[in-house]
Amino acid sequence: MEWGHTSLTLAVSLSLFGSLCYVLSLLSIAFPAHLVRTARNGDAFSASTQGCFLALYAIGQIGAGGSSTAASWYGPVSITLPVYM
C-alpha cells in the first residue's frame, strides 16, 4: 500500500482519532482530581458529576479501542499501532 491509497489514509486517520479519544478519556479522570487537589476548600465533586466524568472516561476508552481495532482492518498494524501509541 502506498501513502495516497484510501485505505491507508483511513487507517492512519482512525488511529489518530483513537489516540485523541484515549488522551481525552484519561484527561476526564485526571483533570477533576487535579481540580479537587488544588481547590482551596478541598470539596470533592458530587456523585452525579463524578459519574459523568466516569462515563466520559468509559466512552473515550471504547472509542479508542474501537478506532484502533477498525484502523487495523484498513491498514497494517505496523503503521497503525505506532500512530495510536
N, C-alpha and C. Protein backbone atom coordinates (compact mmCIF):
# COMPACT_ATOMS: atom_id res chain seq x y z
N MET A 1 0.84 -1.18 0.00
CA MET A 1 0.00 0.00 0.00
C MET A 1 0.88 1.24 0.00
N GLU A 2 0.45 2.20 -0.73
CA GLU A 2 1.18 3.46 -0.75
C GLU A 2 0.42 4.50 0.06
N TRP A 3 1.08 5.59 0.38
CA TRP A 3 0.50 6.58 1.27
C TRP A 3 -0.77 7.20 0.70
N GLY A 4 -0.85 7.41 -0.58
CA GLY A 4 -2.01 8.03 -1.17
C GLY A 4 -3.22 7.11 -1.25
N HIS A 5 -3.04 5.86 -0.92
CA HIS A 5 -4.12 4.90 -1.00
C HIS A 5 -5.17 5.20 0.07
N THR A 6 -6.44 5.10 -0.30
CA THR A 6 -7.52 5.50 0.59
C THR A 6 -7.54 4.68 1.88
N SER A 7 -7.29 3.37 1.79
CA SER A 7 -7.41 2.56 2.99
C SER A 7 -6.29 2.87 3.99
N LEU A 8 -5.10 3.19 3.52
CA LEU A 8 -4.03 3.55 4.45
C LEU A 8 -4.30 4.91 5.09
N THR A 9 -4.82 5.82 4.30
CA THR A 9 -5.18 7.12 4.85
C THR A 9 -6.27 6.96 5.91
N LEU A 10 -7.24 6.12 5.63
CA LEU A 10 -8.31 5.86 6.59
C LEU A 10 -7.76 5.18 7.84
N ALA A 11 -6.83 4.27 7.67
CA ALA A 11 -6.25 3.57 8.81
C ALA A 11 -5.51 4.53 9.72
N VAL A 12 -4.72 5.41 9.15
CA VAL A 12 -3.97 6.37 9.96
C VAL A 12 -4.92 7.37 10.61
N SER A 13 -5.96 7.78 9.88
CA SER A 13 -6.95 8.71 10.45
C SER A 13 -7.68 8.08 11.64
N LEU A 14 -8.09 6.83 11.49
CA LEU A 14 -8.76 6.15 12.60
C LEU A 14 -7.81 5.97 13.79
N SER A 15 -6.57 5.71 13.50
CA SER A 15 -5.59 5.55 14.57
C SER A 15 -5.37 6.86 15.32
N LEU A 16 -5.30 7.96 14.58
CA LEU A 16 -5.16 9.27 15.22
C LEU A 16 -6.40 9.62 16.04
N PHE A 17 -7.57 9.29 15.54
CA PHE A 17 -8.80 9.52 16.29
C PHE A 17 -8.81 8.69 17.57
N GLY A 18 -8.34 7.45 17.49
CA GLY A 18 -8.25 6.61 18.67
C GLY A 18 -7.30 7.18 19.71
N SER A 19 -6.20 7.74 19.24
CA SER A 19 -5.25 8.37 20.17
C SER A 19 -5.88 9.56 20.86
N LEU A 20 -6.62 10.36 20.12
CA LEU A 20 -7.29 11.51 20.70
C LEU A 20 -8.33 11.07 21.73
N CYS A 21 -9.10 10.04 21.41
CA CYS A 21 -10.09 9.52 22.37
C CYS A 21 -9.42 9.03 23.65
N TYR A 22 -8.28 8.37 23.49
CA TYR A 22 -7.56 7.83 24.65
C TYR A 22 -7.07 8.96 25.55
N VAL A 23 -6.48 9.97 24.96
CA VAL A 23 -5.96 11.09 25.76
C VAL A 23 -7.09 11.84 26.44
N LEU A 24 -8.17 12.09 25.73
CA LEU A 24 -9.29 12.81 26.33
C LEU A 24 -9.97 12.01 27.43
N SER A 25 -10.01 10.68 27.28
CA SER A 25 -10.61 9.87 28.34
C SER A 25 -9.75 9.91 29.60
N LEU A 26 -8.44 9.87 29.45
CA LEU A 26 -7.57 9.98 30.62
C LEU A 26 -7.66 11.36 31.25
N LEU A 27 -7.83 12.36 30.42
CA LEU A 27 -7.97 13.72 30.92
C LEU A 27 -9.26 13.89 31.70
N SER A 28 -10.31 13.16 31.31
CA SER A 28 -11.59 13.27 32.03
C SER A 28 -11.49 12.69 33.44
N ILE A 29 -10.49 11.89 33.71
CA ILE A 29 -10.27 11.37 35.06
C ILE A 29 -9.23 12.21 35.82
N ALA A 30 -8.18 12.61 35.13
CA ALA A 30 -7.08 13.32 35.80
C ALA A 30 -7.41 14.77 36.13
N PHE A 31 -8.10 15.46 35.24
CA PHE A 31 -8.34 16.88 35.47
C PHE A 31 -9.26 17.14 36.67
N PRO A 32 -10.37 16.42 36.84
CA PRO A 32 -11.18 16.65 38.05
C PRO A 32 -10.41 16.38 39.34
N ALA A 33 -9.56 15.36 39.33
CA ALA A 33 -8.75 15.09 40.52
C ALA A 33 -7.79 16.24 40.78
N HIS A 34 -7.24 16.81 39.73
CA HIS A 34 -6.36 17.97 39.88
C HIS A 34 -7.13 19.16 40.44
N LEU A 35 -8.34 19.37 39.97
CA LEU A 35 -9.14 20.49 40.48
C LEU A 35 -9.45 20.34 41.95
N VAL A 36 -9.77 19.13 42.38
CA VAL A 36 -10.07 18.89 43.79
C VAL A 36 -8.81 19.10 44.63
N ARG A 37 -7.67 18.63 44.13
CA ARG A 37 -6.43 18.75 44.89
C ARG A 37 -5.98 20.19 45.04
N THR A 38 -6.20 21.01 44.01
CA THR A 38 -5.72 22.39 44.07
C THR A 38 -6.77 23.37 44.58
N ALA A 39 -7.99 22.90 44.85
CA ALA A 39 -9.04 23.80 45.36
C ALA A 39 -8.68 24.24 46.77
N ARG A 40 -9.07 25.45 47.10
CA ARG A 40 -8.74 25.97 48.43
C ARG A 40 -9.51 25.25 49.53
N ASN A 41 -10.74 24.88 49.26
CA ASN A 41 -11.53 24.24 50.31
C ASN A 41 -11.51 22.72 50.23
N GLY A 42 -11.00 22.15 49.15
CA GLY A 42 -10.86 20.71 49.06
C GLY A 42 -12.15 19.95 48.87
N ASP A 43 -13.23 20.63 48.49
CA ASP A 43 -14.50 19.95 48.27
C ASP A 43 -14.43 19.06 47.03
N ALA A 44 -14.94 17.87 47.15
CA ALA A 44 -14.99 16.96 46.02
C ALA A 44 -16.24 17.25 45.19
N PHE A 45 -16.27 16.71 44.00
CA PHE A 45 -17.45 16.86 43.14
C PHE A 45 -18.58 15.98 43.68
N SER A 46 -19.81 16.30 43.28
CA SER A 46 -20.95 15.49 43.70
C SER A 46 -20.88 14.12 43.02
N ALA A 47 -21.68 13.19 43.51
CA ALA A 47 -21.65 11.84 42.97
C ALA A 47 -22.11 11.82 41.51
N SER A 48 -23.07 12.65 41.16
CA SER A 48 -23.53 12.67 39.77
C SER A 48 -22.48 13.25 38.83
N THR A 49 -21.74 14.26 39.29
CA THR A 49 -20.67 14.82 38.47
C THR A 49 -19.54 13.82 38.31
N GLN A 50 -19.21 13.11 39.38
CA GLN A 50 -18.18 12.07 39.26
C GLN A 50 -18.64 10.96 38.33
N GLY A 51 -19.93 10.64 38.34
CA GLY A 51 -20.46 9.66 37.41
C GLY A 51 -20.35 10.10 35.97
N CYS A 52 -20.56 11.40 35.72
CA CYS A 52 -20.41 11.93 34.37
C CYS A 52 -18.96 11.84 33.89
N PHE A 53 -18.02 12.15 34.77
CA PHE A 53 -16.61 12.02 34.42
C PHE A 53 -16.25 10.56 34.14
N LEU A 54 -16.79 9.65 34.92
CA LEU A 54 -16.54 8.23 34.70
C LEU A 54 -17.15 7.77 33.38
N ALA A 55 -18.34 8.28 33.05
CA ALA A 55 -18.97 7.93 31.77
C ALA A 55 -18.15 8.47 30.59
N LEU A 56 -17.61 9.69 30.73
CA LEU A 56 -16.74 10.23 29.69
C LEU A 56 -15.50 9.35 29.51
N TYR A 57 -14.95 8.89 30.62
CA TYR A 57 -13.79 8.01 30.56
C TYR A 57 -14.14 6.71 29.82
N ALA A 58 -15.26 6.11 30.17
CA ALA A 58 -15.65 4.84 29.54
C ALA A 58 -15.92 5.02 28.05
N ILE A 59 -16.62 6.09 27.69
CA ILE A 59 -16.90 6.34 26.28
C ILE A 59 -15.60 6.58 25.50
N GLY A 60 -14.70 7.33 26.09
CA GLY A 60 -13.41 7.57 25.44
C GLY A 60 -12.60 6.30 25.24
N GLN A 61 -12.60 5.43 26.25
CA GLN A 61 -11.85 4.18 26.13
C GLN A 61 -12.48 3.26 25.08
N ILE A 62 -13.81 3.24 25.02
CA ILE A 62 -14.48 2.43 23.99
C ILE A 62 -14.17 2.99 22.60
N GLY A 63 -14.19 4.32 22.48
CA GLY A 63 -13.84 4.93 21.20
C GLY A 63 -12.41 4.67 20.80
N ALA A 64 -11.51 4.71 21.77
CA ALA A 64 -10.10 4.46 21.48
C ALA A 64 -9.88 3.01 21.05
N GLY A 65 -10.48 2.09 21.77
CA GLY A 65 -10.32 0.68 21.41
C GLY A 65 -10.96 0.33 20.08
N GLY A 66 -12.15 0.88 19.85
CA GLY A 66 -12.84 0.62 18.60
C GLY A 66 -12.14 1.23 17.41
N SER A 67 -11.63 2.44 17.57
CA SER A 67 -10.94 3.10 16.47
C SER A 67 -9.64 2.40 16.11
N SER A 68 -8.89 2.00 17.11
CA SER A 68 -7.63 1.31 16.81
C SER A 68 -7.88 -0.06 16.20
N THR A 69 -8.94 -0.72 16.62
CA THR A 69 -9.29 -2.01 16.02
C THR A 69 -9.73 -1.82 14.58
N ALA A 70 -10.58 -0.82 14.34
CA ALA A 70 -11.03 -0.56 12.97
C ALA A 70 -9.87 -0.12 12.08
N ALA A 71 -8.91 0.60 12.64
CA ALA A 71 -7.75 1.02 11.85
C ALA A 71 -6.95 -0.19 11.37
N SER A 72 -6.91 -1.23 12.16
CA SER A 72 -6.15 -2.42 11.74
C SER A 72 -6.85 -3.17 10.61
N TRP A 73 -8.13 -2.90 10.37
CA TRP A 73 -8.83 -3.53 9.24
C TRP A 73 -8.43 -2.88 7.92
N TYR A 74 -8.05 -1.61 7.96
CA TYR A 74 -7.77 -0.85 6.74
C TYR A 74 -6.30 -0.68 6.43
N GLY A 75 -5.44 -1.02 7.35
CA GLY A 75 -4.01 -0.85 7.11
C GLY A 75 -3.20 -1.77 7.98
N PRO A 76 -1.91 -1.84 7.73
CA PRO A 76 -1.06 -2.73 8.51
C PRO A 76 -0.90 -2.25 9.95
N VAL A 77 -0.87 -3.20 10.85
CA VAL A 77 -0.73 -2.89 12.28
C VAL A 77 0.63 -2.26 12.56
N SER A 78 1.62 -2.57 11.73
CA SER A 78 2.95 -1.99 11.93
C SER A 78 2.94 -0.46 11.73
N ILE A 79 1.92 0.07 11.09
CA ILE A 79 1.78 1.51 10.93
C ILE A 79 0.75 2.08 11.90
N THR A 80 -0.38 1.40 12.04
CA THR A 80 -1.45 1.97 12.86
C THR A 80 -1.14 1.94 14.36
N LEU A 81 -0.48 0.92 14.83
CA LEU A 81 -0.19 0.85 16.27
C LEU A 81 0.79 1.91 16.73
N PRO A 82 1.91 2.16 16.04
CA PRO A 82 2.77 3.26 16.48
C PRO A 82 2.10 4.63 16.42
N VAL A 83 1.22 4.83 15.45
CA VAL A 83 0.49 6.09 15.38
C VAL A 83 -0.45 6.20 16.57
N TYR A 84 -1.09 5.10 16.96
CA TYR A 84 -2.00 5.08 18.09
C TYR A 84 -1.27 5.33 19.39
N MET A 85 -0.11 4.74 19.53
CA MET A 85 0.65 4.88 20.78
C MET A 85 1.33 6.22 20.82
